[in-house]
Amino acid sequence: MDEIWQELAYLAYHLHWGLDPLLDLEHGDRIRLLEEVASLNERAWQGVVGG
């Protein structure tokens, strides 16, 4: 159950979505969205550190 809350918190923080829209996502869609947001964050971080 903690894993779901971590997923929800991560997406809510980065996407500024409420809990209901996130809970409405299928698990596979939520995982895909997590991966995409993480990729965007990584690319942004690389731009900051020059890597």
C-alpha atoms as a PDB file:
ATOM      1  CA  MET A   1       0.000   0.000   0.000  1.00  0.00           C
ATOM      2  CA  ASP A   2       2.911   2.362   0.682  1.00  0.00           C
ATOM      3  CA  GLU A   3       4.059   1.980  -2.916  1.00  0.00           C
ATOM      4  CA  ILE A   4       0.731   3.269  -4.223  1.00  0.00           C
ATOM      5  CA  TRP A   5       0.922   6.316  -1.950  1.00  0.00           C
ATOM      6  CA  GLN A   6       4.481   6.985  -3.120  1.00  0.00           C
ATOM      7  CA  GLU A   7       3.320   6.827  -6.736  1.00  0.00           C
ATOM      8  CA  LEU A   8       0.377   9.108  -6.029  1.00  0.00           C
ATOM      9  CA  ALA A   9       2.470  11.617  -4.090  1.00  0.00           C
ATOM     10  CA  TYR A  10       5.126  11.741  -6.823  1.00  0.00           C
ATOM     11  CA  LEU A  11       2.586  12.342  -9.581  1.00  0.00           C
ATOM     12  CA  ALA A  12       0.494  14.784  -7.568  1.00  0.00           C
ATOM     13  CA  TYR A  13       3.604  16.805  -6.731  1.00  0.00           C
ATOM     14  CA  HIS A  14       4.944  16.967 -10.272  1.00  0.00           C
ATOM     15  CA  LEU A  15       1.683  17.203 -12.206  1.00  0.00           C
ATOM     16  CA  HIS A  16      -0.374  19.181  -9.683  1.00  0.00           C
ATOM     17  CA  TRP A  17      -3.230  16.707 -10.042  1.00  0.00           C
ATOM     18  CA  GLY A  18      -5.716  15.867  -7.332  1.00  0.00           C
ATOM     19  CA  LEU A  19      -6.108  12.455  -5.772  1.00  0.00           C
ATOM     20  CA  ASP A  20      -9.278  11.461  -7.649  1.00  0.00           C
ATOM     21  CA  PRO A  21      -7.858  11.777 -11.194  1.00  0.00           C
ATOM     22  CA  LEU A  22      -4.781   9.810 -10.142  1.00  0.00           C
ATOM     23  CA  LEU A  23      -6.842   7.067  -8.538  1.00  0.00           C
ATOM     24  CA  ASP A  24      -8.968   6.866 -11.693  1.00  0.00           C
ATOM     25  CA  LEU A  25      -5.924   5.809 -13.725  1.00  0.00           C
ATOM     26  CA  GLU A  26      -5.354   2.135 -14.402  1.00  0.00           C
ATOM     27  CA  HIS A  27      -2.249   0.877 -12.628  1.00  0.00           C
ATOM     28  CA  GLY A  28      -0.382   0.350 -15.890  1.00  0.00           C
ATOM     29  CA  ASP A  29      -1.187   3.883 -17.010  1.00  0.00           C
ATOM     30  CA  ARG A  30      -0.031   5.274 -13.674  1.00  0.00           C
ATOM     31  CA  ILE A  31       3.272   3.376 -13.973  1.00  0.00           C
ATOM     32  CA  ARG A  32       3.782   4.675 -17.519  1.00  0.00           C
ATOM     33  CA  LEU A  33       3.097   8.214 -16.334  1.00  0.00           C
ATOM     34  CA  LEU A  34       5.579   7.760 -13.475  1.00  0.00           C
ATOM     35  CA  GLU A  35       8.228   6.650 -15.950  1.00  0.00           C
ATOM     36  CA  GLU A  36       7.580   9.598 -18.257  1.00  0.00           C
ATOM     37  CA  VAL A  37       7.674  12.161 -15.432  1.00  0.00           C
ATOM     38  CA  ALA A  38      10.867  10.590 -14.065  1.00  0.00           C
ATOM     39  CA  SER A  39      12.430  10.811 -17.527  1.00  0.00           C
ATOM     40  CA  LEU A  40      11.497  14.481 -17.819  1.00  0.00           C
ATOM     41  CA  ASN A  41      12.937  15.156 -14.376  1.00  0.00           C
ATOM     42  CA  GLU A  42      16.157  13.368 -15.227  1.00  0.00           C
ATOM     43  CA  ARG A  43      16.586  15.337 -18.452  1.00  0.00           C
ATOM     44  CA  ALA A  44      15.892  18.592 -16.596  1.00  0.00           C
ATOM     45  CA  TRP A  45      18.410  17.677 -13.899  1.00  0.00           C
ATOM     46  CA  GLN A  46      21.044  16.847 -16.512  1.00  0.00           C
ATOM     47  CA  GLY A  47      20.514  20.303 -17.980  1.00  0.00           C
ATOM     48  CA  VAL A  48      21.109  21.859 -14.556  1.00  0.00           C
ATOM     49  CA  VAL A  49      24.301  19.948 -13.797  1.00  0.00           C
ATOM     50  CA  GLY A  50      25.556  20.090 -17.379  1.00  0.00           C
ATOM     51  CA  GLY A  51      25.581  16.365 -17.970  1.00  0.00           C
END
